Amino acid sequence: MTGWDLQPPDIGRTLRDTVEIAKELQAQAKAFGEHLKGAATDAGTLAMGGEKPEAGLVGLALSEFAPQAEKDLRFVAARSAKSVQGASEATTAYMNGNLQMAADAQREARKAPDPDFGKPTGEKKK
């Protein structure tokens, strides 16, 4: 197959660096969720003579924002994992001389990932 000019040591280094960055992103995503929750509860409420509500307007807005933000973060994580796995599989196949398997792995990695990967079946989004 023409067009393949791979340098496995460089690819391995890039994949390791990418995994490390993905770990950092995972930690930042977790912190994002905690900060979002804190902002929603600490932003204050509007008490108009009656019982004080649990959350105010900012909390309400953040509760509307959070589900889509979580979905987007899960997709980024799934896309990153699938890309790293696909690059690794394609490189391994290439190094083993199986150019068709390398091309297949590369093509599979380009497909949209499942952002609910790794979650038990009962926890998948509806």
C-alpha atoms as a PDB file:
ATOM      1  CA  MET A   1       0.000   0.000   0.000  1.00  0.00           C
ATOM      2  CA  THR A   2       1.556   3.269  -1.038  1.00  0.00           C
ATOM      3  CA  GLY A   3       1.226   6.373   1.077  1.00  0.00           C
ATOM      4  CA  TRP A   4       2.277   4.730   4.342  1.00  0.00           C
ATOM      5  CA  ASP A   5       5.469   6.116   5.828  1.00  0.00           C
ATOM      6  CA  LEU A   6       5.311   5.225   9.511  1.00  0.00           C
ATOM      7  CA  GLN A   7       7.962   5.707  12.144  1.00  0.00           C
ATOM      8  CA  PRO A   8       6.830   3.376  14.975  1.00  0.00           C
ATOM      9  CA  PRO A   9       9.063   4.918  17.700  1.00  0.00           C
ATOM     10  CA  ASP A  10       7.613   8.364  16.923  1.00  0.00           C
ATOM     11  CA  ILE A  11       4.096   6.960  16.857  1.00  0.00           C
ATOM     12  CA  GLY A  12       4.609   5.218  20.195  1.00  0.00           C
ATOM     13  CA  ARG A  13       5.905   8.422  21.761  1.00  0.00           C
ATOM     14  CA  THR A  14       2.978  10.410  20.348  1.00  0.00           C
ATOM     15  CA  LEU A  15       0.454   7.847  21.604  1.00  0.00           C
ATOM     16  CA  ARG A  16       1.996   7.878  25.105  1.00  0.00           C
ATOM     17  CA  ASP A  17       1.901  11.685  25.141  1.00  0.00           C
ATOM     18  CA  THR A  18      -1.704  11.645  23.957  1.00  0.00           C
ATOM     19  CA  VAL A  19      -2.731   9.200  26.689  1.00  0.00           C
ATOM     20  CA  GLU A  20      -1.095  11.423  29.322  1.00  0.00           C
ATOM     21  CA  ILE A  21      -2.952  14.475  28.025  1.00  0.00           C
ATOM     22  CA  ALA A  22      -6.202  12.495  27.973  1.00  0.00           C
ATOM     23  CA  LYS A  23      -5.640  11.598  31.651  1.00  0.00           C
ATOM     24  CA  GLU A  24      -5.229  15.297  32.439  1.00  0.00           C
ATOM     25  CA  LEU A  25      -8.420  16.086  30.533  1.00  0.00           C
ATOM     26  CA  GLN A  26     -10.250  13.413  32.505  1.00  0.00           C
ATOM     27  CA  ALA A  27      -9.157  15.020  35.772  1.00  0.00           C
ATOM     28  CA  GLN A  28     -10.173  18.450  34.493  1.00  0.00           C
ATOM     29  CA  ALA A  29     -13.581  17.130  33.413  1.00  0.00           C
ATOM     30  CA  LYS A  30     -14.158  15.738  36.897  1.00  0.00           C
ATOM     31  CA  ALA A  31     -13.142  19.073  38.437  1.00  0.00           C
ATOM     32  CA  PHE A  32     -15.423  20.860  35.968  1.00  0.00           C
ATOM     33  CA  GLY A  33     -18.392  18.880  37.237  1.00  0.00           C
ATOM     34  CA  GLU A  34     -17.541  19.631  40.851  1.00  0.00           C
ATOM     35  CA  HIS A  35     -17.057  23.342  40.126  1.00  0.00           C
ATOM     36  CA  LEU A  36     -20.310  23.448  38.175  1.00  0.00           C
ATOM     37  CA  LYS A  37     -22.173  21.941  41.113  1.00  0.00           C
ATOM     38  CA  GLY A  38     -20.512  24.385  43.505  1.00  0.00           C
ATOM     39  CA  ALA A  39     -21.381  27.351  41.304  1.00  0.00           C
ATOM     40  CA  ALA A  40     -24.998  26.247  41.102  1.00  0.00           C
ATOM     41  CA  THR A  41     -25.395  26.007  44.869  1.00  0.00           C
ATOM     42  CA  ASP A  42     -23.234  28.992  45.826  1.00  0.00           C
ATOM     43  CA  ALA A  43     -24.653  31.504  43.353  1.00  0.00           C
ATOM     44  CA  GLY A  44     -27.486  32.409  45.672  1.00  0.00           C
ATOM     45  CA  THR A  45     -31.237  32.475  45.319  1.00  0.00           C
ATOM     46  CA  LEU A  46     -34.025  34.953  45.094  1.00  0.00           C
ATOM     47  CA  ALA A  47     -36.215  34.679  48.159  1.00  0.00           C
ATOM     48  CA  MET A  48     -39.455  36.459  47.448  1.00  0.00           C
ATOM     49  CA  GLY A  49     -41.081  36.123  50.836  1.00  0.00           C
ATOM     50  CA  GLY A  50     -41.673  32.389  51.433  1.00  0.00           C
ATOM     51  CA  GLU A  51     -39.344  29.495  51.645  1.00  0.00           C
ATOM     52  CA  LYS A  52     -35.894  29.913  50.214  1.00  0.00           C
ATOM     53  CA  PRO A  53     -35.533  27.766  47.066  1.00  0.00           C
ATOM     54  CA  GLU A  54     -32.661  25.292  46.777  1.00  0.00           C
ATOM     55  CA  ALA A  55     -31.183  27.000  43.713  1.00  0.00           C
ATOM     56  CA  GLY A  56     -31.494  30.364  42.075  1.00  0.00           C
ATOM     57  CA  LEU A  57     -31.480  31.471  38.457  1.00  0.00           C
ATOM     58  CA  VAL A  58     -27.788  30.675  37.986  1.00  0.00           C
ATOM     59  CA  GLY A  59     -28.319  27.216  39.425  1.00  0.00           C
ATOM     60  CA  LEU A  60     -31.273  26.681  37.103  1.00  0.00           C
ATOM     61  CA  ALA A  61     -29.243  27.805  34.087  1.00  0.00           C
ATOM     62  CA  LEU A  62     -26.348  25.549  35.033  1.00  0.00           C
ATOM     63  CA  SER A  63     -28.683  22.596  35.506  1.00  0.00           C
ATOM     64  CA  GLU A  64     -29.882  23.158  31.925  1.00  0.00           C
ATOM     65  CA  PHE A  65     -26.299  23.460  30.660  1.00  0.00           C
ATOM     66  CA  ALA A  66     -24.759  20.516  32.523  1.00  0.00           C
ATOM     67  CA  PRO A  67     -26.333  17.547  30.673  1.00  0.00           C
ATOM     68  CA  GLN A  68     -25.138  18.694  27.236  1.00  0.00           C
ATOM     69  CA  ALA A  69     -21.714  19.640  28.588  1.00  0.00           C
ATOM     70  CA  GLU A  70     -21.407  16.176  30.159  1.00  0.00           C
ATOM     71  CA  LYS A  71     -22.443  14.531  26.885  1.00  0.00           C
ATOM     72  CA  ASP A  72     -19.861  16.594  24.967  1.00  0.00           C
ATOM     73  CA  LEU A  73     -17.088  15.735  27.439  1.00  0.00           C
ATOM     74  CA  ARG A  74     -17.940  12.020  27.216  1.00  0.00           C
ATOM     75  CA  PHE A  75     -17.789  12.239  23.424  1.00  0.00           C
ATOM     76  CA  VAL A  76     -14.345  13.910  23.506  1.00  0.00           C
ATOM     77  CA  ALA A  77     -13.085  11.182  25.838  1.00  0.00           C
ATOM     78  CA  ALA A  78     -14.527   8.427  23.644  1.00  0.00           C
ATOM     79  CA  ARG A  79     -13.156  10.028  20.467  1.00  0.00           C
ATOM     80  CA  SER A  80      -9.690  10.311  22.032  1.00  0.00           C
ATOM     81  CA  ALA A  81      -9.697   6.704  23.244  1.00  0.00           C
ATOM     82  CA  LYS A  82     -10.891   5.375  19.902  1.00  0.00           C
ATOM     83  CA  SER A  83      -8.304   7.397  17.987  1.00  0.00           C
ATOM     84  CA  VAL A  84      -5.420   6.245  20.185  1.00  0.00           C
ATOM     85  CA  GLN A  85      -6.571   2.617  20.009  1.00  0.00           C
ATOM     86  CA  GLY A  86      -6.996   2.786  16.237  1.00  0.00           C
ATOM     87  CA  ALA A  87      -3.568   4.345  15.703  1.00  0.00           C
ATOM     88  CA  SER A  88      -2.000   1.692  17.902  1.00  0.00           C
ATOM     89  CA  GLU A  89      -3.746  -1.181  16.118  1.00  0.00           C
ATOM     90  CA  ALA A  90      -2.940   0.220  12.659  1.00  0.00           C
ATOM     91  CA  THR A  91       0.719   0.661  13.561  1.00  0.00           C
ATOM     92  CA  THR A  92       0.968  -2.858  14.997  1.00  0.00           C
ATOM     93  CA  ALA A  93      -0.644  -4.340  11.883  1.00  0.00           C
ATOM     94  CA  TYR A  94       1.673  -2.300   9.661  1.00  0.00           C
ATOM     95  CA  MET A  95       4.734  -3.472  11.565  1.00  0.00           C
ATOM     96  CA  ASN A  96       3.533  -7.073  11.207  1.00  0.00           C
ATOM     97  CA  GLY A  97       3.274  -6.567   7.448  1.00  0.00           C
ATOM     98  CA  ASN A  98      -0.513  -6.718   7.324  1.00  0.00           C
ATOM     99  CA  LEU A  99      -1.307  -3.556   5.390  1.00  0.00           C
ATOM    100  CA  GLN A 100      -4.961  -4.486   4.875  1.00  0.00           C
ATOM    101  CA  MET A 101      -5.472  -4.936   8.620  1.00  0.00           C
ATOM    102  CA  ALA A 102      -3.702  -1.609   9.186  1.00  0.00           C
ATOM    103  CA  ALA A 103      -6.024   0.117   6.727  1.00  0.00           C
ATOM    104  CA  ASP A 104      -9.056  -1.558   8.331  1.00  0.00           C
ATOM    105  CA  ALA A 105      -7.978  -0.409  11.814  1.00  0.00           C
ATOM    106  CA  GLN A 106      -7.471   3.119  10.553  1.00  0.00           C
ATOM    107  CA  ARG A 107     -10.895   3.146   8.860  1.00  0.00           C
ATOM    108  CA  GLU A 108     -12.592   1.770  12.003  1.00  0.00           C
ATOM    109  CA  ALA A 109     -10.968   4.437  14.180  1.00  0.00           C
ATOM    110  CA  ARG A 110     -12.526   7.171  12.036  1.00  0.00           C
ATOM    111  CA  LYS A 111     -16.064   6.027  12.850  1.00  0.00           C
ATOM    112  CA  ALA A 112     -18.005   7.924  15.507  1.00  0.00           C
ATOM    113  CA  PRO A 113     -17.382   6.556  18.996  1.00  0.00           C
ATOM    114  CA  ASP A 114     -19.916   5.478  21.589  1.00  0.00           C
ATOM    115  CA  PRO A 115     -19.741   8.205  24.266  1.00  0.00           C
ATOM    116  CA  ASP A 116     -21.274   5.811  26.821  1.00  0.00           C
ATOM    117  CA  PHE A 117     -18.415   3.321  26.528  1.00  0.00           C
ATOM    118  CA  GLY A 118     -17.388   1.692  29.747  1.00  0.00           C
ATOM    119  CA  LYS A 119     -20.684   2.360  31.489  1.00  0.00           C
ATOM    120  CA  PRO A 120     -22.886  -0.501  32.649  1.00  0.00           C
ATOM    121  CA  THR A 121     -25.835  -0.981  30.299  1.00  0.00           C
ATOM    122  CA  GLY A 122     -28.371   0.362  32.782  1.00  0.00           C
ATOM    123  CA  GLU A 123     -26.542   3.705  33.012  1.00  0.00           C
ATOM    124  CA  LYS A 124     -26.621   4.593  29.313  1.00  0.00           C
ATOM    125  CA  LYS A 125     -28.316   7.823  28.315  1.00  0.00           C
ATOM    126  CA  LYS A 126     -31.851   7.549  26.988  1.00  0.00           C
END
